[in-house]
Amino acid sequence: MKPAMEKKDTRRHPRIPYTIVFDLYANRESLHSRGKACIVNLSEKGAGLESEVPLQKGQPVFFRLNVPVDVEAEVVHSKVDGKRYRYGIRFKKINLFDRWRIRRFIRKHIK
């Protein structure tokens, strides 16, 4: 019997394992957190996160990275595991300088 084949990572941007807990907000101006979330991996164009807050695909989310960069993102996929949700998010409306800062942060942690 052949060993199970490993799933090839087809992502365009390298991911780093990165764990940080942060507050999710409904919009940039909101002072009221919708709940906590935890980034489990990070790339220059998106992230994987876990939360107990239910989100819909395409829904905007807002948070601040400790890079520090304010980020607007949208949910691109989700998976439910009991009371926990796991999401893939794509960064939106991120300027070139902030993207460069995230890329620099990731490359520093890959080496």
PDB file of N, CA and C in Angstrom:
ATOM      1  N   MET A   1       0.840  -1.180   0.000  1.00  0.00           N
ATOM      2  CA  MET A   1       0.000   0.000   0.000  1.00  0.00           C
ATOM      3  C   MET A   1       0.888   1.248   0.000  1.00  0.00           C
ATOM      4  N   LYS A   2       0.573   2.214  -0.837  1.00  0.00           N
ATOM      5  CA  LYS A   2       1.357   3.448  -0.929  1.00  0.00           C
ATOM      6  C   LYS A   2       1.048   4.360   0.242  1.00  0.00           C
ATOM      7  N   PRO A   3       2.068   5.080   0.745  1.00  0.00           N
ATOM      8  CA  PRO A   3       1.790   6.045   1.812  1.00  0.00           C
ATOM      9  C   PRO A   3       0.914   7.173   1.285  1.00  0.00           C
ATOM     10  N   ALA A   4       0.127   7.747   2.172  1.00  0.00           N
ATOM     11  CA  ALA A   4      -0.746   8.868   1.782  1.00  0.00           C
ATOM     12  C   ALA A   4       0.102  10.014   1.255  1.00  0.00           C
ATOM     13  N   MET A   5      -0.337  10.599   0.159  1.00  0.00           N
ATOM     14  CA  MET A   5       0.394  11.725  -0.418  1.00  0.00           C
ATOM     15  C   MET A   5       0.107  12.980   0.377  1.00  0.00           C
ATOM     16  N   GLU A   6       1.139  13.768   0.588  1.00  0.00           N
ATOM     17  CA  GLU A   6       0.953  15.037   1.279  1.00  0.00           C
ATOM     18  C   GLU A   6       0.301  16.029   0.336  1.00  0.00           C
ATOM     19  N   LYS A   7      -0.594  16.833   0.872  1.00  0.00           N
ATOM     20  CA  LYS A   7      -1.254  17.864   0.076  1.00  0.00           C
ATOM     21  C   LYS A   7      -0.253  18.982  -0.202  1.00  0.00           C
ATOM     22  N   LYS A   8      -0.086  19.329  -1.466  1.00  0.00           N
ATOM     23  CA  LYS A   8       0.850  20.383  -1.857  1.00  0.00           C
ATOM     24  C   LYS A   8       0.247  21.749  -1.555  1.00  0.00           C
ATOM     25  N   ASP A   9       1.042  22.619  -0.968  1.00  0.00           N
ATOM     26  CA  ASP A   9       0.605  23.982  -0.664  1.00  0.00           C
ATOM     27  C   ASP A   9       0.696  24.805  -1.944  1.00  0.00           C
ATOM     28  N   THR A  10      -0.451  25.258  -2.445  1.00  0.00           N
ATOM     29  CA  THR A  10      -0.490  25.994  -3.710  1.00  0.00           C
ATOM     30  C   THR A  10      -0.641  27.492  -3.500  1.00  0.00           C
ATOM     31  N   ARG A  11      -0.409  27.965  -2.297  1.00  0.00           N
ATOM     32  CA  ARG A  11      -0.560  29.393  -2.019  1.00  0.00           C
ATOM     33  C   ARG A  11       0.519  30.192  -2.737  1.00  0.00           C
ATOM     34  N   ARG A  12       0.169  31.405  -3.144  1.00  0.00           N
ATOM     35  CA  ARG A  12       1.110  32.279  -3.858  1.00  0.00           C
ATOM     36  C   ARG A  12       2.125  32.927  -2.930  1.00  0.00           C
ATOM     37  N   HIS A  13       1.768  33.094  -1.666  1.00  0.00           N
ATOM     38  CA  HIS A  13       2.635  33.791  -0.719  1.00  0.00           C
ATOM     39  C   HIS A  13       2.950  32.878   0.455  1.00  0.00           C
ATOM     40  N   PRO A  14       4.231  32.822   0.871  1.00  0.00           N
ATOM     41  CA  PRO A  14       4.590  31.939   1.981  1.00  0.00           C
ATOM     42  C   PRO A  14       3.884  32.338   3.273  1.00  0.00           C
ATOM     43  N   ARG A  15       3.521  31.337   4.066  1.00  0.00           N
ATOM     44  CA  ARG A  15       2.887  31.556   5.364  1.00  0.00           C
ATOM     45  C   ARG A  15       3.910  31.299   6.461  1.00  0.00           C
ATOM     46  N   ILE A  16       3.784  32.046   7.536  1.00  0.00           N
ATOM     47  CA  ILE A  16       4.584  31.747   8.717  1.00  0.00           C
ATOM     48  C   ILE A  16       3.621  31.420   9.844  1.00  0.00           C
ATOM     49  N   PRO A  17       4.006  30.467  10.705  1.00  0.00           N
ATOM     50  CA  PRO A  17       3.187  30.260  11.889  1.00  0.00           C
ATOM     51  C   PRO A  17       3.319  31.505  12.754  1.00  0.00           C
ATOM     52  N   TYR A  18       2.237  32.051  13.168  1.00  0.00           N
ATOM     53  CA  TYR A  18       2.263  33.310  13.912  1.00  0.00           C
ATOM     54  C   TYR A  18       1.027  33.315  14.783  1.00  0.00           C
ATOM     55  N   THR A  19       1.201  33.394  16.077  1.00  0.00           N
ATOM     56  CA  THR A  19       0.058  33.361  16.978  1.00  0.00           C
ATOM     57  C   THR A  19      -0.057  34.682  17.715  1.00  0.00           C
ATOM     58  N   ILE A  20      -1.211  35.310  17.552  1.00  0.00           N
ATOM     59  CA  ILE A  20      -1.500  36.546  18.271  1.00  0.00           C
ATOM     60  C   ILE A  20      -3.010  36.633  18.455  1.00  0.00           C
ATOM     61  N   VAL A  21      -3.424  37.010  19.645  1.00  0.00           N
ATOM     62  CA  VAL A  21      -4.843  37.202  19.930  1.00  0.00           C
ATOM     63  C   VAL A  21      -5.152  38.681  19.757  1.00  0.00           C
ATOM     64  N   PHE A  22      -6.296  38.983  19.147  1.00  0.00           N
ATOM     65  CA  PHE A  22      -6.666  40.373  18.902  1.00  0.00           C
ATOM     66  C   PHE A  22      -8.175  40.508  18.925  1.00  0.00           C
ATOM     67  N   ASP A  23      -8.656  41.746  18.929  1.00  0.00           N
ATOM     68  CA  ASP A  23     -10.086  42.030  18.873  1.00  0.00           C
ATOM     69  C   ASP A  23     -10.516  42.206  17.426  1.00  0.00           C
ATOM     70  N   LEU A  24     -11.689  41.664  17.084  1.00  0.00           N
ATOM     71  CA  LEU A  24     -12.313  41.878  15.775  1.00  0.00           C
ATOM     72  C   LEU A  24     -13.285  43.039  15.887  1.00  0.00           C
ATOM     73  N   TYR A  25     -13.315  43.899  14.874  1.00  0.00           N
ATOM     74  CA  TYR A  25     -14.218  45.050  14.866  1.00  0.00           C
ATOM     75  C   TYR A  25     -15.093  45.017  13.619  1.00  0.00           C
ATOM     76  N   ALA A  26     -16.270  45.631  13.711  1.00  0.00           N
ATOM     77  CA  ALA A  26     -17.202  45.685  12.582  1.00  0.00           C
ATOM     78  C   ALA A  26     -16.721  46.647  11.503  1.00  0.00           C
ATOM     79  N   ASN A  27     -16.001  47.707  11.899  1.00  0.00           N
ATOM     80  CA  ASN A  27     -15.465  48.664  10.931  1.00  0.00           C
ATOM     81  C   ASN A  27     -14.288  49.403  11.551  1.00  0.00           C
ATOM     82  N   ARG A  28     -13.601  50.201  10.761  1.00  0.00           N
ATOM     83  CA  ARG A  28     -12.395  50.899  11.234  1.00  0.00           C
ATOM     84  C   ARG A  28     -12.663  51.839  12.394  1.00  0.00           C
ATOM     85  N   GLU A  29     -13.828  52.464  12.409  1.00  0.00           N
ATOM     86  CA  GLU A  29     -14.133  53.479  13.416  1.00  0.00           C
ATOM     87  C   GLU A  29     -14.729  52.892  14.696  1.00  0.00           C
ATOM     88  N   SER A  30     -15.085  51.627  14.677  1.00  0.00           N
ATOM     89  CA  SER A  30     -15.774  51.012  15.812  1.00  0.00           C
ATOM     90  C   SER A  30     -14.888  50.950  17.052  1.00  0.00           C
ATOM     91  N   LEU A  31     -15.470  51.282  18.197  1.00  0.00           N
ATOM     92  CA  LEU A  31     -14.768  51.165  19.473  1.00  0.00           C
ATOM     93  C   LEU A  31     -15.208  49.911  20.217  1.00  0.00           C
ATOM     94  N   HIS A  32     -16.186  49.197  19.667  1.00  0.00           N
ATOM     95  CA  HIS A  32     -16.737  48.022  20.329  1.00  0.00           C
ATOM     96  C   HIS A  32     -16.284  46.749  19.619  1.00  0.00           C
ATOM     97  N   SER A  33     -15.585  45.906  20.350  1.00  0.00           N
ATOM     98  CA  SER A  33     -15.099  44.649  19.797  1.00  0.00           C
ATOM     99  C   SER A  33     -16.260  43.690  19.555  1.00  0.00           C
ATOM    100  N   ARG A  34     -16.199  42.951  18.453  1.00  0.00           N
ATOM    101  CA  ARG A  34     -17.183  41.897  18.177  1.00  0.00           C
ATOM    102  C   ARG A  34     -16.783  40.616  18.878  1.00  0.00           C
ATOM    103  N   GLY A  35     -15.541  40.538  19.345  1.00  0.00           N
ATOM    104  CA  GLY A  35     -15.045  39.342  20.012  1.00  0.00           C
ATOM    105  C   GLY A  35     -13.571  39.160  19.729  1.00  0.00           C
ATOM    106  N   LYS A  36     -13.012  38.115  20.281  1.00  0.00           N
ATOM    107  CA  LYS A  36     -11.589  37.814  20.115  1.00  0.00           C
ATOM    108  C   LYS A  36     -11.375  36.849  18.958  1.00  0.00           C
ATOM    109  N   ALA A  37     -10.190  36.921  18.371  1.00  0.00           N
ATOM    110  CA  ALA A  37      -9.764  35.981  17.343  1.00  0.00           C
ATOM    111  C   ALA A  37      -8.268  35.751  17.525  1.00  0.00           C
ATOM    112  N   CYS A  38      -7.769  34.698  16.915  1.00  0.00           N
ATOM    113  CA  CYS A  38      -6.347  34.368  17.006  1.00  0.00           C
ATOM    114  C   CYS A  38      -5.828  34.052  15.611  1.00  0.00           C
ATOM    115  N   ILE A  39      -4.805  34.765  15.177  1.00  0.00           N
ATOM    116  CA  ILE A  39      -4.151  34.445  13.904  1.00  0.00           C
ATOM    117  C   ILE A  39      -3.311  33.197  14.136  1.00  0.00           C
ATOM    118  N   VAL A  40      -3.427  32.220  13.233  1.00  0.00           N
ATOM    119  CA  VAL A  40      -2.634  30.999  13.343  1.00  0.00           C
ATOM    120  C   VAL A  40      -1.543  30.920  12.279  1.00  0.00           C
ATOM    121  N   ASN A  41      -1.680  31.697  11.189  1.00  0.00           N
ATOM    122  CA  ASN A  41      -0.602  31.837  10.212  1.00  0.00           C
ATOM    123  C   ASN A  41      -0.802  33.144   9.470  1.00  0.00           C
ATOM    124  N   LEU A  42       0.266  33.639   8.862  1.00  0.00           N
ATOM    125  CA  LEU A  42       0.253  34.972   8.264  1.00  0.00           C
ATOM    126  C   LEU A  42       1.053  34.984   6.976  1.00  0.00           C
ATOM    127  N   SER A  43       0.524  35.661   5.948  1.00  0.00           N
ATOM    128  CA  SER A  43       1.275  35.924   4.722  1.00  0.00           C
ATOM    129  C   SER A  43       1.110  37.402   4.410  1.00  0.00           C
ATOM    130  N   GLU A  44       1.777  37.878   3.364  1.00  0.00           N
ATOM    131  CA  GLU A  44       1.674  39.305   3.049  1.00  0.00           C
ATOM    132  C   GLU A  44       0.314  39.686   2.483  1.00  0.00           C
ATOM    133  N   LYS A  45      -0.493  38.729   2.070  1.00  0.00           N
ATOM    134  CA  LYS A  45      -1.802  39.050   1.492  1.00  0.00           C
ATOM    135  C   LYS A  45      -2.980  38.464   2.254  1.00  0.00           C
ATOM    136  N   GLY A  46      -2.735  37.753   3.358  1.00  0.00           N
ATOM    137  CA  GLY A  46      -3.846  37.174   4.100  1.00  0.00           C
ATOM    138  C   GLY A  46      -3.378  36.434   5.334  1.00  0.00           C
ATOM    139  N   ALA A  47      -4.314  35.756   5.983  1.00  0.00           N
ATOM    140  CA  ALA A  47      -4.002  35.054   7.219  1.00  0.00           C
ATOM    141  C   ALA A  47      -5.025  33.962   7.471  1.00  0.00           C
ATOM    142  N   GLY A  48      -4.651  33.024   8.324  1.00  0.00           N
ATOM    143  CA  GLY A  48      -5.587  32.038   8.849  1.00  0.00           C
ATOM    144  C   GLY A  48      -5.888  32.447  10.275  1.00  0.00           C
ATOM    145  N   LEU A  49      -7.149  32.397  10.674  1.00  0.00           N
ATOM    146  CA  LEU A  49      -7.473  32.758  12.045  1.00  0.00           C
ATOM    147  C   LEU A  49      -8.548  31.857  12.604  1.00  0.00           C
ATOM    148  N   GLU A  50      -8.616  31.804  13.934  1.00  0.00           N
ATOM    149  CA  GLU A  50      -9.629  31.043  14.650  1.00  0.00           C
ATOM    150  C   GLU A  50     -10.362  31.976  15.583  1.00  0.00           C
ATOM    151  N   SER A  51     -11.662  31.716  15.762  1.00  0.00           N
ATOM    152  CA  SER A  51     -12.478  32.564  16.622  1.00  0.00           C
ATOM    153  C   SER A  51     -13.754  31.828  16.995  1.00  0.00           C
ATOM    154  N   GLU A  52     -14.403  32.288  18.046  1.00  0.00           N
ATOM    155  CA  GLU A  52     -15.736  31.798  18.384  1.00  0.00           C
ATOM    156  C   GLU A  52     -16.798  32.727  17.801  1.00  0.00           C
ATOM    157  N   VAL A  53     -16.367  33.761  17.083  1.00  0.00           N
ATOM    158  CA  VAL A  53     -17.278  34.715  16.446  1.00  0.00           C
ATOM    159  C   VAL A  53     -17.661  34.179  15.068  1.00  0.00           C
ATOM    160  N   PRO A  54     -18.965  33.963  14.804  1.00  0.00           N
ATOM    161  CA  PRO A  54     -19.353  33.496  13.473  1.00  0.00           C
ATOM    162  C   PRO A  54     -19.249  34.622  12.444  1.00  0.00           C
ATOM    163  N   LEU A  55     -18.585  34.339  11.323  1.00  0.00           N
ATOM    164  CA  LEU A  55     -18.435  35.290  10.225  1.00  0.00           C
ATOM    165  C   LEU A  55     -18.887  34.618   8.940  1.00  0.00           C
ATOM    166  N   GLN A  56     -19.323  35.408   7.988  1.00  0.00           N
ATOM    167  CA  GLN A  56     -19.771  34.904   6.692  1.00  0.00           C
ATOM    168  C   GLN A  56     -18.698  35.145   5.636  1.00  0.00           C
ATOM    169  N   LYS A  57     -18.637  34.274   4.636  1.00  0.00           N
ATOM    170  CA  LYS A  57     -17.724  34.467   3.514  1.00  0.00           C
ATOM    171  C   LYS A  57     -18.031  35.811   2.867  1.00  0.00           C
ATOM    172  N   GLY A  58     -16.990  36.592   2.592  1.00  0.00           N
ATOM    173  CA  GLY A  58     -17.143  37.913   1.996  1.00  0.00           C
ATOM    174  C   GLY A  58     -17.343  39.023   3.014  1.00  0.00           C
ATOM    175  N   GLN A  59     -17.532  38.659   4.270  1.00  0.00           N
ATOM    176  CA  GLN A  59     -17.761  39.657   5.318  1.00  0.00           C
ATOM    177  C   GLN A  59     -16.465  40.392   5.635  1.00  0.00           C
ATOM    178  N   PRO A  60     -16.512  41.721   5.730  1.00  0.00           N
ATOM    179  CA  PRO A  60     -15.307  42.461   6.105  1.00  0.00           C
ATOM    180  C   PRO A  60     -15.007  42.304   7.592  1.00  0.00           C
ATOM    181  N   VAL A  61     -13.735  42.255   7.918  1.00  0.00           N
ATOM    182  CA  VAL A  61     -13.284  42.235   9.311  1.00  0.00           C
ATOM    183  C   VAL A  61     -12.151  43.240   9.456  1.00  0.00           C
ATOM    184  N   PHE A  62     -12.003  43.806  10.635  1.00  0.00           N
ATOM    185  CA  PHE A  62     -10.985  44.821  10.890  1.00  0.00           C
ATOM    186  C   PHE A  62     -10.232  44.474  12.162  1.00  0.00           C
ATOM    187  N   PHE A  63      -8.907  44.665  12.129  1.00  0.00           N
ATOM    188  CA  PHE A  63      -8.076  44.404  13.303  1.00  0.00           C
ATOM    189  C   PHE A  63      -6.743  45.102  13.131  1.00  0.00           C
ATOM    190  N   ARG A  64      -5.942  45.110  14.184  1.00  0.00           N
ATOM    191  CA  ARG A  64      -4.615  45.728  14.132  1.00  0.00           C
ATOM    192  C   ARG A  64      -3.562  44.660  14.399  1.00  0.00           C
ATOM    193  N   LEU A  65      -2.604  44.549  13.485  1.00  0.00           N
ATOM    194  CA  LEU A  65      -1.474  43.642  13.678  1.00  0.00           C
ATOM    195  C   LEU A  65      -0.412  44.339  14.514  1.00  0.00           C
ATOM    196  N   ASN A  66       0.410  43.568  15.179  1.00  0.00           N
ATOM    197  CA  ASN A  66       1.502  44.151  15.961  1.00  0.00           C
ATOM    198  C   ASN A  66       2.712  44.463  15.106  1.00  0.00           C
ATOM    199  N   VAL A  67       2.508  44.609  13.801  1.00  0.00           N
ATOM    200  CA  VAL A  67       3.632  44.919  12.907  1.00  0.00           C
ATOM    201  C   VAL A  67       4.092  46.364  13.081  1.00  0.00           C
ATOM    202  N   PRO A  68       3.363  47.410  13.401  1.00  0.00           N
ATOM    203  CA  PRO A  68       1.916  47.600  13.494  1.00  0.00           C
ATOM    204  C   PRO A  68       1.336  48.079  12.172  1.00  0.00           C
ATOM    205  N   VAL A  69       0.231  47.468  11.795  1.00  0.00           N
ATOM    206  CA  VAL A  69      -0.490  47.820  10.578  1.00  0.00           C
ATOM    207  C   VAL A  69      -1.978  47.639  10.856  1.00  0.00           C
ATOM    208  N   ASP A  70      -2.778  48.647  10.526  1.00  0.00           N
ATOM    209  CA  ASP A  70      -4.231  48.477  10.584  1.00  0.00           C
ATOM    210  C   ASP A  70      -4.647  47.754   9.318  1.00  0.00           C
ATOM    211  N   VAL A  71      -5.478  46.746   9.461  1.00  0.00           N
ATOM    212  CA  VAL A  71      -5.804  45.887   8.334  1.00  0.00           C
ATOM    213  C   VAL A  71      -7.309  45.757   8.145  1.00  0.00           C
ATOM    214  N   GLU A  72      -7.746  45.916   6.897  1.00  0.00           N
ATOM    215  CA  GLU A  72      -9.110  45.538   6.519  1.00  0.00           C
ATOM    216  C   GLU A  72      -8.968  44.271   5.694  1.00  0.00           C
ATOM    217  N   ALA A  73      -9.789  43.291   6.001  1.00  0.00           N
ATOM    218  CA  ALA A  73      -9.718  42.012   5.297  1.00  0.00           C
ATOM    219  C   ALA A  73     -11.125  41.494   5.063  1.00  0.00           C
ATOM    220  N   GLU A  74     -11.230  40.443   4.234  1.00  0.00           N
ATOM    221  CA  GLU A  74     -12.528  39.803   4.055  1.00  0.00           C
ATOM    222  C   GLU A  74     -12.360  38.303   4.222  1.00  0.00           C
ATOM    223  N   VAL A  75     -13.399  37.659   4.706  1.00  0.00           N
ATOM    224  CA  VAL A  75     -13.405  36.216   4.887  1.00  0.00           C
ATOM    225  C   VAL A  75     -13.524  35.561   3.512  1.00  0.00           C
ATOM    226  N   VAL A  76     -12.599  34.631   3.191  1.00  0.00           N
ATOM    227  CA  VAL A  76     -12.657  33.941   1.901  1.00  0.00           C
ATOM    228  C   VAL A  76     -13.068  32.479   2.048  1.00  0.00           C
ATOM    229  N   HIS A  77     -12.897  31.899   3.230  1.00  0.00           N
ATOM    230  CA  HIS A  77     -13.438  30.569   3.500  1.00  0.00           C
ATOM    231  C   HIS A  77     -13.524  30.363   5.004  1.00  0.00           C
ATOM    232  N   SER A  78     -14.370  29.400   5.405  1.00  0.00           N
ATOM    233  CA  SER A  78     -14.532  29.125   6.833  1.00  0.00           C
ATOM    234  C   SER A  78     -14.803  27.648   7.059  1.00  0.00           C
ATOM    235  N   LYS A  79     -14.509  27.203   8.287  1.00  0.00           N
ATOM    236  CA  LYS A  79     -14.732  25.822   8.686  1.00  0.00           C
ATOM    237  C   LYS A  79     -15.153  25.844  10.151  1.00  0.00           C
ATOM    238  N   VAL A  80     -16.189  25.079  10.506  1.00  0.00           N
ATOM    239  CA  VAL A  80     -16.673  25.031  11.880  1.00  0.00           C
ATOM    240  C   VAL A  80     -16.132  23.777  12.551  1.00  0.00           C
ATOM    241  N   ASP A  81     -15.629  23.943  13.793  1.00  0.00           N
ATOM    242  CA  ASP A  81     -15.139  22.818  14.586  1.00  0.00           C
ATOM    243  C   ASP A  81     -15.700  22.980  15.995  1.00  0.00           C
ATOM    244  N   GLY A  82     -16.873  22.427  16.242  1.00  0.00           N
ATOM    245  CA  GLY A  82     -17.532  22.608  17.534  1.00  0.00           C
ATOM    246  C   GLY A  82     -17.959  24.052  17.706  1.00  0.00           C
ATOM    247  N   LYS A  83     -17.467  24.689  18.777  1.00  0.00           N
ATOM    248  CA  LYS A  83     -17.782  26.102  19.026  1.00  0.00           C
ATOM    249  C   LYS A  83     -16.779  27.039  18.368  1.00  0.00           C
ATOM    250  N   ARG A  84     -15.768  26.487  17.736  1.00  0.00           N
ATOM    251  CA  ARG A  84     -14.705  27.297  17.143  1.00  0.00           C
ATOM    252  C   ARG A  84     -14.847  27.349  15.630  1.00  0.00           C
ATOM    253  N   TYR A  85     -14.564  28.508  15.082  1.00  0.00           N
ATOM    254  CA  TYR A  85     -14.569  28.717  13.633  1.00  0.00           C
ATOM    255  C   TYR A  85     -13.137  28.938  13.187  1.00  0.00           C
ATOM    256  N   ARG A  86     -12.787  28.407  12.021  1.00  0.00           N
ATOM    257  CA  ARG A  86     -11.472  28.657  11.433  1.00  0.00           C
ATOM    258  C   ARG A  86     -11.706  29.343  10.094  1.00  0.00           C
ATOM    259  N   TYR A  87     -10.994  30.450   9.868  1.00  0.00           N
ATOM    260  CA  TYR A  87     -11.215  31.279   8.681  1.00  0.00           C
ATOM    261  C   TYR A  87      -9.931  31.485   7.896  1.00  0.00           C
ATOM    262  N   GLY A  88     -10.082  31.642   6.604  1.00  0.00           N
ATOM    263  CA  GLY A  88      -9.036  32.182   5.751  1.00  0.00           C
ATOM    264  C   GLY A  88      -9.494  33.581   5.388  1.00  0.00           C
ATOM    265  N   ILE A  89      -8.620  34.545   5.548  1.00  0.00           N
ATOM    266  CA  ILE A  89      -8.986  35.925   5.227  1.00  0.00           C
ATOM    267  C   ILE A  89      -8.001  36.493   4.218  1.00  0.00           C
ATOM    268  N   ARG A  90      -8.470  37.426   3.399  1.00  0.00           N
ATOM    269  CA  ARG A  90      -7.623  38.108   2.417  1.00  0.00           C
ATOM    270  C   ARG A  90      -7.600  39.584   2.770  1.00  0.00           C
ATOM    271  N   PHE A  91      -6.396  40.144   2.840  1.00  0.00           N
ATOM    272  CA  PHE A  91      -6.269  41.564   3.136  1.00  0.00           C
ATOM    273  C   PHE A  91      -6.806  42.384   1.971  1.00  0.00           C
ATOM    274  N   LYS A  92      -7.513  43.460   2.291  1.00  0.00           N
ATOM    275  CA  LYS A  92      -8.054  44.385   1.297  1.00  0.00           C
ATOM    276  C   LYS A  92      -7.563  45.784   1.631  1.00  0.00           C
ATOM    277  N   LYS A  93      -7.582  46.651   0.650  1.00  0.00           N
ATOM    278  CA  LYS A  93      -7.274  48.068   0.867  1.00  0.00           C
ATOM    279  C   LYS A  93      -6.045  48.264   1.748  1.00  0.00           C
ATOM    280  N   ILE A  94      -4.975  47.572   1.415  1.00  0.00           N
ATOM    281  CA  ILE A  94      -3.735  47.725   2.173  1.00  0.00           C
ATOM    282  C   ILE A  94      -2.738  48.450   1.271  1.00  0.00           C
ATOM    283  N   ASN A  95      -2.180  49.535   1.781  1.00  0.00           N
ATOM    284  CA  ASN A  95      -1.289  50.325   0.929  1.00  0.00           C
ATOM    285  C   ASN A  95       0.061  49.636   0.760  1.00  0.00           C
ATOM    286  N   LEU A  96       0.826  50.096  -0.202  1.00  0.00           N
ATOM    287  CA  LEU A  96       2.101  49.482  -0.552  1.00  0.00           C
ATOM    288  C   LEU A  96       3.070  49.462   0.625  1.00  0.00           C
ATOM    289  N   PHE A  97       3.128  50.544   1.387  1.00  0.00           N
ATOM    290  CA  PHE A  97       4.044  50.611   2.521  1.00  0.00           C
ATOM    291  C   PHE A  97       3.676  49.574   3.585  1.00  0.00           C
ATOM    292  N   ASP A  98       2.390  49.448   3.903  1.00  0.00           N
ATOM    293  CA  ASP A  98       1.966  48.463   4.902  1.00  0.00           C
ATOM    294  C   ASP A  98       2.209  47.037   4.416  1.00  0.00           C
ATOM    295  N   ARG A  99       1.976  46.787   3.127  1.00  0.00           N
ATOM    296  CA  ARG A  99       2.266  45.458   2.576  1.00  0.00           C
ATOM    297  C   ARG A  99       3.764  45.164   2.678  1.00  0.00           C
ATOM    298  N   TRP A 100       4.595  46.156   2.408  1.00  0.00           N
ATOM    299  CA  TRP A 100       6.041  45.992   2.528  1.00  0.00           C
ATOM    300  C   TRP A 100       6.421  45.666   3.974  1.00  0.00           C
ATOM    301  N   ARG A 101       5.788  46.340   4.932  1.00  0.00           N
ATOM    302  CA  ARG A 101       6.079  46.074   6.344  1.00  0.00           C
ATOM    303  C   ARG A 101       5.702  44.648   6.738  1.00  0.00           C
ATOM    304  N   ILE A 102       4.572  44.152   6.246  1.00  0.00           N
ATOM    305  CA  ILE A 102       4.168  42.773   6.531  1.00  0.00           C
ATOM    306  C   ILE A 102       5.146  41.800   5.876  1.00  0.00           C
ATOM    307  N   ARG A 103       5.504  42.052   4.609  1.00  0.00           N
ATOM    308  CA  ARG A 103       6.457  41.190   3.902  1.00  0.00           C
ATOM    309  C   ARG A 103       7.788  41.132   4.651  1.00  0.00           C
ATOM    310  N   ARG A 104       8.264  42.274   5.094  1.00  0.00           N
ATOM    311  CA  ARG A 104       9.528  42.337   5.838  1.00  0.00           C
ATOM    312  C   ARG A 104       9.428  41.545   7.143  1.00  0.00           C
ATOM    313  N   PHE A 105       8.319  41.688   7.842  1.00  0.00           N
ATOM    314  CA  PHE A 105       8.080  40.962   9.086  1.00  0.00           C
ATOM    315  C   PHE A 105       8.096  39.450   8.838  1.00  0.00           C
ATOM    316  N   ILE A 106       7.427  39.006   7.772  1.00  0.00           N
ATOM    317  CA  ILE A 106       7.366  37.577   7.451  1.00  0.00           C
ATOM    318  C   ILE A 106       8.742  37.047   7.087  1.00  0.00           C
ATOM    319  N   ARG A 107       9.447  37.751   6.225  1.00  0.00           N
ATOM    320  CA  ARG A 107      10.784  37.284   5.811  1.00  0.00           C
ATOM    321  C   ARG A 107      11.740  37.203   6.990  1.00  0.00           C
ATOM    322  N   LYS A 108      11.605  38.115   7.919  1.00  0.00           N
ATOM    323  CA  LYS A 108      12.440  38.095   9.125  1.00  0.00           C
ATOM    324  C   LYS A 108      12.176  36.825   9.938  1.00  0.00           C
ATOM    325  N   HIS A 109      10.932  36.358   9.955  1.00  0.00           N
ATOM    326  CA  HIS A 109      10.573  35.194  10.752  1.00  0.00           C
ATOM    327  C   HIS A 109      10.750  33.871  10.017  1.00  0.00           C
ATOM    328  N   ILE A 110      10.919  33.905   8.687  1.00  0.00           N
ATOM    329  CA  ILE A 110      11.146  32.681   7.920  1.00  0.00           C
ATOM    330  C   ILE A 110      12.596  32.240   8.043  1.00  0.00           C
ATOM    331  N   LYS A 111      13.505  33.180   8.091  1.00  0.00           N
ATOM    332  CA  LYS A 111      14.945  32.866   8.108  1.00  0.00           C
ATOM    333  C   LYS A 111      15.404  32.337   9.433  1.00  0.00           C
TER     334      LYS A 111
END
